[in-house]
Amino acid sequence: MTTAKRDTYTPETLLTVAVRVFNERGYDGTSMEHLSKAAGISKSSIYHHVAGKEELLRRAVSRALDGLFGILGESGATRGRAIGRVEYVTRRTVEVLIAELPYVTLLLRVRGNTKTERWALERRREFDQRVGDLLKAAVADGDLRSDVDIRLATRLLFGMVNSLVEWYRPLPDGGAERDQLADTVVRLAFDGMKAG
């Protein structure tokens, strides 16, 4: 007795495929047909799991944003001097970027062409603002130089961190590599900004 092959895709595995295709083709350049071919299932099977490609985009960027905003609630980000908290947030941001590389890559590539993209951009700005507030507090505490423009410092900090999606490719067992990368980013970012 043979059974018909069942759709083995789950919303999570479909999301993984969609993120890969969005990153390869761009969100705007991806059709449901592209997703169907990449997943090896019919478009109707995709619609069984999600309402459409924008729902997949929202789930993907939400995963990246949830990881980033989760950092802000961790004890290392909420306790102690502002300088220690902002260094912690920077280190953890690198770690989340590495752990969720395809999802963060997609988040950083959204341009605001859809409702979901505009929402994601607003949430990114909110995250950047919260980190900027920590930098301001570290300046007020006297731990960071007061002659550095905070908005510029925030942009440069995230420019450095976000550039990782363009060149970083994890090694199979990249735990030590991840830690070294996070430490290097923190050292480069803050050694030059610390008050003498």
C-alpha atoms as a PDB file:
ATOM      1  CA  MET A   1       0.000   0.000   0.000  1.00  0.00           C
ATOM      2  CA  THR A   2       1.472   3.336  -1.057  1.00  0.00           C
ATOM      3  CA  THR A   3       0.633   6.673   0.353  1.00  0.00           C
ATOM      4  CA  ALA A   4       0.682   9.871  -1.608  1.00  0.00           C
ATOM      5  CA  LYS A   5       3.674  12.061  -0.888  1.00  0.00           C
ATOM      6  CA  ARG A   6       2.661  14.709   1.613  1.00  0.00           C
ATOM      7  CA  ASP A   7       3.792  18.299   1.619  1.00  0.00           C
ATOM      8  CA  THR A   8       6.742  18.218   4.006  1.00  0.00           C
ATOM      9  CA  TYR A   9       7.108  21.978   4.155  1.00  0.00           C
ATOM     10  CA  THR A  10       6.322  23.774   7.370  1.00  0.00           C
ATOM     11  CA  PRO A  11       5.979  27.532   7.726  1.00  0.00           C
ATOM     12  CA  GLU A  12       9.544  27.573   9.148  1.00  0.00           C
ATOM     13  CA  THR A  13      11.161  25.616   6.324  1.00  0.00           C
ATOM     14  CA  LEU A  14       9.246  27.639   3.754  1.00  0.00           C
ATOM     15  CA  LEU A  15      10.501  30.808   5.445  1.00  0.00           C
ATOM     16  CA  THR A  16      14.095  29.572   5.157  1.00  0.00           C
ATOM     17  CA  VAL A  17      13.681  29.066   1.413  1.00  0.00           C
ATOM     18  CA  ALA A  18      11.933  32.424   0.968  1.00  0.00           C
ATOM     19  CA  VAL A  19      14.691  34.312   2.798  1.00  0.00           C
ATOM     20  CA  ARG A  20      17.333  32.682   0.613  1.00  0.00           C
ATOM     21  CA  VAL A  21      15.446  33.626  -2.555  1.00  0.00           C
ATOM     22  CA  PHE A  22      14.712  37.173  -1.327  1.00  0.00           C
ATOM     23  CA  ASN A  23      18.404  37.664  -0.577  1.00  0.00           C
ATOM     24  CA  GLU A  24      19.436  36.279  -3.977  1.00  0.00           C
ATOM     25  CA  ARG A  25      16.856  38.045  -6.158  1.00  0.00           C
ATOM     26  CA  GLY A  26      15.770  40.948  -3.980  1.00  0.00           C
ATOM     27  CA  TYR A  27      12.293  41.088  -2.504  1.00  0.00           C
ATOM     28  CA  ASP A  28      10.850  43.089  -5.406  1.00  0.00           C
ATOM     29  CA  GLY A  29      12.457  40.739  -7.920  1.00  0.00           C
ATOM     30  CA  THR A  30      10.946  37.631  -6.336  1.00  0.00           C
ATOM     31  CA  SER A  31       7.599  36.277  -7.488  1.00  0.00           C
ATOM     32  CA  MET A  32       5.491  33.531  -5.989  1.00  0.00           C
ATOM     33  CA  GLU A  33       6.575  31.475  -9.006  1.00  0.00           C
ATOM     34  CA  HIS A  34      10.230  31.899  -7.966  1.00  0.00           C
ATOM     35  CA  LEU A  35       9.368  30.806  -4.422  1.00  0.00           C
ATOM     36  CA  SER A  36       7.376  27.850  -5.698  1.00  0.00           C
ATOM     37  CA  LYS A  37      10.260  26.631  -7.872  1.00  0.00           C
ATOM     38  CA  ALA A  38      12.849  27.127  -5.134  1.00  0.00           C
ATOM     39  CA  ALA A  39      10.734  25.238  -2.612  1.00  0.00           C
ATOM     40  CA  GLY A  40       9.775  22.528  -5.083  1.00  0.00           C
ATOM     41  CA  ILE A  41       6.104  22.877  -4.200  1.00  0.00           C
ATOM     42  CA  SER A  42       3.111  24.414  -5.900  1.00  0.00           C
ATOM     43  CA  LYS A  43       2.021  27.991  -5.321  1.00  0.00           C
ATOM     44  CA  SER A  44      -1.196  26.683  -3.767  1.00  0.00           C
ATOM     45  CA  SER A  45       0.918  24.741  -1.234  1.00  0.00           C
ATOM     46  CA  ILE A  46       2.681  27.978  -0.323  1.00  0.00           C
ATOM     47  CA  TYR A  47      -0.676  29.703   0.109  1.00  0.00           C
ATOM     48  CA  HIS A  48      -1.668  26.871   2.427  1.00  0.00           C
ATOM     49  CA  HIS A  49       1.049  28.140   4.819  1.00  0.00           C
ATOM     50  CA  VAL A  50       1.028  31.916   4.232  1.00  0.00           C
ATOM     51  CA  ALA A  51      -1.121  34.640   2.681  1.00  0.00           C
ATOM     52  CA  GLY A  52       1.648  35.628   0.265  1.00  0.00           C
ATOM     53  CA  LYS A  53       5.213  36.798  -0.106  1.00  0.00           C
ATOM     54  CA  GLU A  54       4.720  39.900   2.067  1.00  0.00           C
ATOM     55  CA  GLU A  55       3.735  37.682   4.982  1.00  0.00           C
ATOM     56  CA  LEU A  56       6.965  35.751   4.447  1.00  0.00           C
ATOM     57  CA  LEU A  57       8.887  39.033   4.424  1.00  0.00           C
ATOM     58  CA  ARG A  58       7.198  40.171   7.645  1.00  0.00           C
ATOM     59  CA  ARG A  59       8.009  36.882   9.375  1.00  0.00           C
ATOM     60  CA  ALA A  60      11.618  37.055   8.218  1.00  0.00           C
ATOM     61  CA  VAL A  61      12.330  40.640   9.253  1.00  0.00           C
ATOM     62  CA  SER A  62      10.412  40.094  12.504  1.00  0.00           C
ATOM     63  CA  ARG A  63      12.782  37.260  13.353  1.00  0.00           C
ATOM     64  CA  ALA A  64      15.776  39.560  12.850  1.00  0.00           C
ATOM     65  CA  LEU A  65      14.166  42.452  14.736  1.00  0.00           C
ATOM     66  CA  ASP A  66      13.061  40.217  17.618  1.00  0.00           C
ATOM     67  CA  GLY A  67      16.661  39.065  17.997  1.00  0.00           C
ATOM     68  CA  LEU A  68      17.968  42.633  18.050  1.00  0.00           C
ATOM     69  CA  PHE A  69      15.314  44.047  20.375  1.00  0.00           C
ATOM     70  CA  GLY A  70      15.694  41.034  22.654  1.00  0.00           C
ATOM     71  CA  ILE A  71      19.242  42.223  23.347  1.00  0.00           C
ATOM     72  CA  LEU A  72      17.938  45.468  24.827  1.00  0.00           C
ATOM     73  CA  GLY A  73      16.082  43.565  27.545  1.00  0.00           C
ATOM     74  CA  GLU A  74      19.046  41.420  28.613  1.00  0.00           C
ATOM     75  CA  SER A  75      20.667  42.261  31.948  1.00  0.00           C
ATOM     76  CA  GLY A  76      23.946  43.273  30.262  1.00  0.00           C
ATOM     77  CA  ALA A  77      22.017  45.967  28.385  1.00  0.00           C
ATOM     78  CA  THR A  78      20.023  47.213  31.364  1.00  0.00           C
ATOM     79  CA  ARG A  79      22.436  47.159  34.320  1.00  0.00           C
ATOM     80  CA  GLY A  80      25.655  48.964  35.057  1.00  0.00           C
ATOM     81  CA  ARG A  81      27.337  51.992  33.547  1.00  0.00           C
ATOM     82  CA  ALA A  82      26.195  53.088  30.114  1.00  0.00           C
ATOM     83  CA  ILE A  83      29.602  52.343  28.544  1.00  0.00           C
ATOM     84  CA  GLY A  84      29.411  48.707  29.637  1.00  0.00           C
ATOM     85  CA  ARG A  85      25.824  48.450  28.433  1.00  0.00           C
ATOM     86  CA  VAL A  86      26.563  49.902  24.982  1.00  0.00           C
ATOM     87  CA  GLU A  87      29.595  47.637  24.577  1.00  0.00           C
ATOM     88  CA  TYR A  88      27.425  44.686  25.578  1.00  0.00           C
ATOM     89  CA  VAL A  89      24.712  45.665  23.078  1.00  0.00           C
ATOM     90  CA  THR A  90      27.304  46.055  20.319  1.00  0.00           C
ATOM     91  CA  ARG A  91      28.852  42.652  21.053  1.00  0.00           C
ATOM     92  CA  ARG A  92      25.444  40.962  21.186  1.00  0.00           C
ATOM     93  CA  THR A  93      24.331  42.706  17.985  1.00  0.00           C
ATOM     94  CA  VAL A  94      27.285  41.109  16.195  1.00  0.00           C
ATOM     95  CA  GLU A  95      26.374  37.736  17.716  1.00  0.00           C
ATOM     96  CA  VAL A  96      22.725  38.020  16.651  1.00  0.00           C
ATOM     97  CA  LEU A  97      23.771  39.124  13.180  1.00  0.00           C
ATOM     98  CA  ILE A  98      25.967  36.025  12.879  1.00  0.00           C
ATOM     99  CA  ALA A  99      23.328  33.676  14.337  1.00  0.00           C
ATOM    100  CA  GLU A 100      20.550  35.056  12.120  1.00  0.00           C
ATOM    101  CA  LEU A 101      22.701  36.086   9.149  1.00  0.00           C
ATOM    102  CA  PRO A 102      20.187  35.485   6.310  1.00  0.00           C
ATOM    103  CA  TYR A 103      17.376  37.176   8.252  1.00  0.00           C
ATOM    104  CA  VAL A 104      19.441  40.212   9.267  1.00  0.00           C
ATOM    105  CA  THR A 105      20.798  40.455   5.715  1.00  0.00           C
ATOM    106  CA  LEU A 106      17.240  40.677   4.429  1.00  0.00           C
ATOM    107  CA  LEU A 107      16.332  43.235   7.102  1.00  0.00           C
ATOM    108  CA  LEU A 108      19.247  45.427   6.060  1.00  0.00           C
ATOM    109  CA  ARG A 109      18.226  45.251   2.398  1.00  0.00           C
ATOM    110  CA  VAL A 110      14.596  46.381   2.716  1.00  0.00           C
ATOM    111  CA  ARG A 111      14.004  49.730   1.037  1.00  0.00           C
ATOM    112  CA  GLY A 112      10.545  50.844   2.129  1.00  0.00           C
ATOM    113  CA  ASN A 113       8.572  49.863  -0.961  1.00  0.00           C
ATOM    114  CA  THR A 114       5.861  47.988   0.969  1.00  0.00           C
ATOM    115  CA  LYS A 115       4.021  48.426   4.248  1.00  0.00           C
ATOM    116  CA  THR A 116       6.144  45.679   5.813  1.00  0.00           C
ATOM    117  CA  GLU A 117       9.375  47.261   4.599  1.00  0.00           C
ATOM    118  CA  ARG A 118       8.385  50.668   5.983  1.00  0.00           C
ATOM    119  CA  TRP A 119       7.517  49.047   9.314  1.00  0.00           C
ATOM    120  CA  ALA A 120      10.894  47.263   9.376  1.00  0.00           C
ATOM    121  CA  LEU A 121      12.780  50.486   8.599  1.00  0.00           C
ATOM    122  CA  GLU A 122      10.958  52.269  11.421  1.00  0.00           C
ATOM    123  CA  ARG A 123      11.850  49.489  13.854  1.00  0.00           C
ATOM    124  CA  ARG A 124      15.506  49.639  12.735  1.00  0.00           C
ATOM    125  CA  ARG A 125      15.530  53.388  13.395  1.00  0.00           C
ATOM    126  CA  GLU A 126      14.042  52.750  16.835  1.00  0.00           C
ATOM    127  CA  PHE A 127      16.796  50.238  17.637  1.00  0.00           C
ATOM    128  CA  ASP A 128      19.474  52.669  16.424  1.00  0.00           C
ATOM    129  CA  GLN A 129      17.922  55.423  18.575  1.00  0.00           C
ATOM    130  CA  ARG A 130      18.015  53.239  21.676  1.00  0.00           C
ATOM    131  CA  VAL A 131      21.710  52.507  21.095  1.00  0.00           C
ATOM    132  CA  GLY A 132      22.299  56.221  20.428  1.00  0.00           C
ATOM    133  CA  ASP A 133      20.694  56.962  23.804  1.00  0.00           C
ATOM    134  CA  LEU A 134      23.175  54.589  25.469  1.00  0.00           C
ATOM    135  CA  LEU A 135      26.053  56.380  23.730  1.00  0.00           C
ATOM    136  CA  LYS A 136      24.720  59.744  24.981  1.00  0.00           C
ATOM    137  CA  ALA A 137      24.501  58.360  28.508  1.00  0.00           C
ATOM    138  CA  ALA A 138      28.110  57.123  28.277  1.00  0.00           C
ATOM    139  CA  VAL A 139      29.195  60.627  27.212  1.00  0.00           C
ATOM    140  CA  ALA A 140      27.223  62.140  30.108  1.00  0.00           C
ATOM    141  CA  ASP A 141      28.960  59.686  32.488  1.00  0.00           C
ATOM    142  CA  GLY A 142      32.312  60.905  31.162  1.00  0.00           C
ATOM    143  CA  ASP A 143      33.242  57.484  29.724  1.00  0.00           C
ATOM    144  CA  LEU A 144      33.081  58.495  26.042  1.00  0.00           C
ATOM    145  CA  ARG A 145      34.586  61.554  24.432  1.00  0.00           C
ATOM    146  CA  SER A 146      32.266  64.530  24.374  1.00  0.00           C
ATOM    147  CA  ASP A 147      33.767  65.904  21.138  1.00  0.00           C
ATOM    148  CA  VAL A 148      32.321  63.044  19.040  1.00  0.00           C
ATOM    149  CA  ASP A 149      28.939  63.660  17.411  1.00  0.00           C
ATOM    150  CA  ILE A 150      26.625  60.932  18.756  1.00  0.00           C
ATOM    151  CA  ARG A 151      24.492  60.677  15.610  1.00  0.00           C
ATOM    152  CA  LEU A 152      27.619  60.249  13.500  1.00  0.00           C
ATOM    153  CA  ALA A 153      29.115  57.766  15.980  1.00  0.00           C
ATOM    154  CA  THR A 154      25.883  55.741  15.946  1.00  0.00           C
ATOM    155  CA  ARG A 155      25.844  55.640  12.145  1.00  0.00           C
ATOM    156  CA  LEU A 156      29.504  54.656  11.960  1.00  0.00           C
ATOM    157  CA  LEU A 157      29.029  51.972  14.608  1.00  0.00           C
ATOM    158  CA  PHE A 158      26.108  50.397  12.763  1.00  0.00           C
ATOM    159  CA  GLY A 159      27.821  50.875   9.424  1.00  0.00           C
ATOM    160  CA  MET A 160      30.686  48.736  10.691  1.00  0.00           C
ATOM    161  CA  VAL A 161      28.434  46.105  12.285  1.00  0.00           C
ATOM    162  CA  ASN A 162      25.973  45.952   9.391  1.00  0.00           C
ATOM    163  CA  SER A 163      28.759  45.592   6.814  1.00  0.00           C
ATOM    164  CA  LEU A 164      29.345  42.088   8.192  1.00  0.00           C
ATOM    165  CA  VAL A 165      26.392  40.801   6.145  1.00  0.00           C
ATOM    166  CA  GLU A 166      28.305  41.662   2.963  1.00  0.00           C
ATOM    167  CA  TRP A 167      31.491  39.721   3.658  1.00  0.00           C
ATOM    168  CA  TYR A 168      31.149  37.456   6.697  1.00  0.00           C
ATOM    169  CA  ARG A 169      30.697  33.751   5.970  1.00  0.00           C
ATOM    170  CA  PRO A 170      30.654  31.525   9.061  1.00  0.00           C
ATOM    171  CA  LEU A 171      33.012  28.599   9.470  1.00  0.00           C
ATOM    172  CA  PRO A 172      31.376  25.231  10.249  1.00  0.00           C
ATOM    173  CA  ASP A 173      32.284  25.496  13.948  1.00  0.00           C
ATOM    174  CA  GLY A 174      32.496  29.250  14.265  1.00  0.00           C
ATOM    175  CA  GLY A 175      31.994  29.760  18.018  1.00  0.00           C
ATOM    176  CA  ALA A 176      35.504  31.071  18.704  1.00  0.00           C
ATOM    177  CA  GLU A 177      35.493  32.986  15.429  1.00  0.00           C
ATOM    178  CA  ARG A 178      32.191  34.633  16.393  1.00  0.00           C
ATOM    179  CA  ASP A 179      33.553  35.683  19.786  1.00  0.00           C
ATOM    180  CA  GLN A 180      36.755  37.049  18.240  1.00  0.00           C
ATOM    181  CA  LEU A 181      34.779  39.018  15.665  1.00  0.00           C
ATOM    182  CA  ALA A 182      32.479  40.497  18.320  1.00  0.00           C
ATOM    183  CA  ASP A 183      35.474  41.436  20.519  1.00  0.00           C
ATOM    184  CA  THR A 184      37.271  43.054  17.581  1.00  0.00           C
ATOM    185  CA  VAL A 185      34.239  45.132  16.630  1.00  0.00           C
ATOM    186  CA  VAL A 186      33.838  46.363  20.220  1.00  0.00           C
ATOM    187  CA  ARG A 187      37.549  47.223  20.508  1.00  0.00           C
ATOM    188  CA  LEU A 188      37.640  49.067  17.193  1.00  0.00           C
ATOM    189  CA  ALA A 189      34.420  50.929  17.908  1.00  0.00           C
ATOM    190  CA  PHE A 190      35.095  52.049  21.465  1.00  0.00           C
ATOM    191  CA  ASP A 191      38.840  52.312  22.012  1.00  0.00           C
ATOM    192  CA  GLY A 192      38.942  55.470  19.905  1.00  0.00           C
ATOM    193  CA  MET A 193      35.846  56.953  21.521  1.00  0.00           C
ATOM    194  CA  LYS A 194      36.694  56.419  25.170  1.00  0.00           C
ATOM    195  CA  ALA A 195      37.484  59.482  27.204  1.00  0.00           C
ATOM    196  CA  GLY A 196      41.173  59.780  28.030  1.00  0.00           C
END
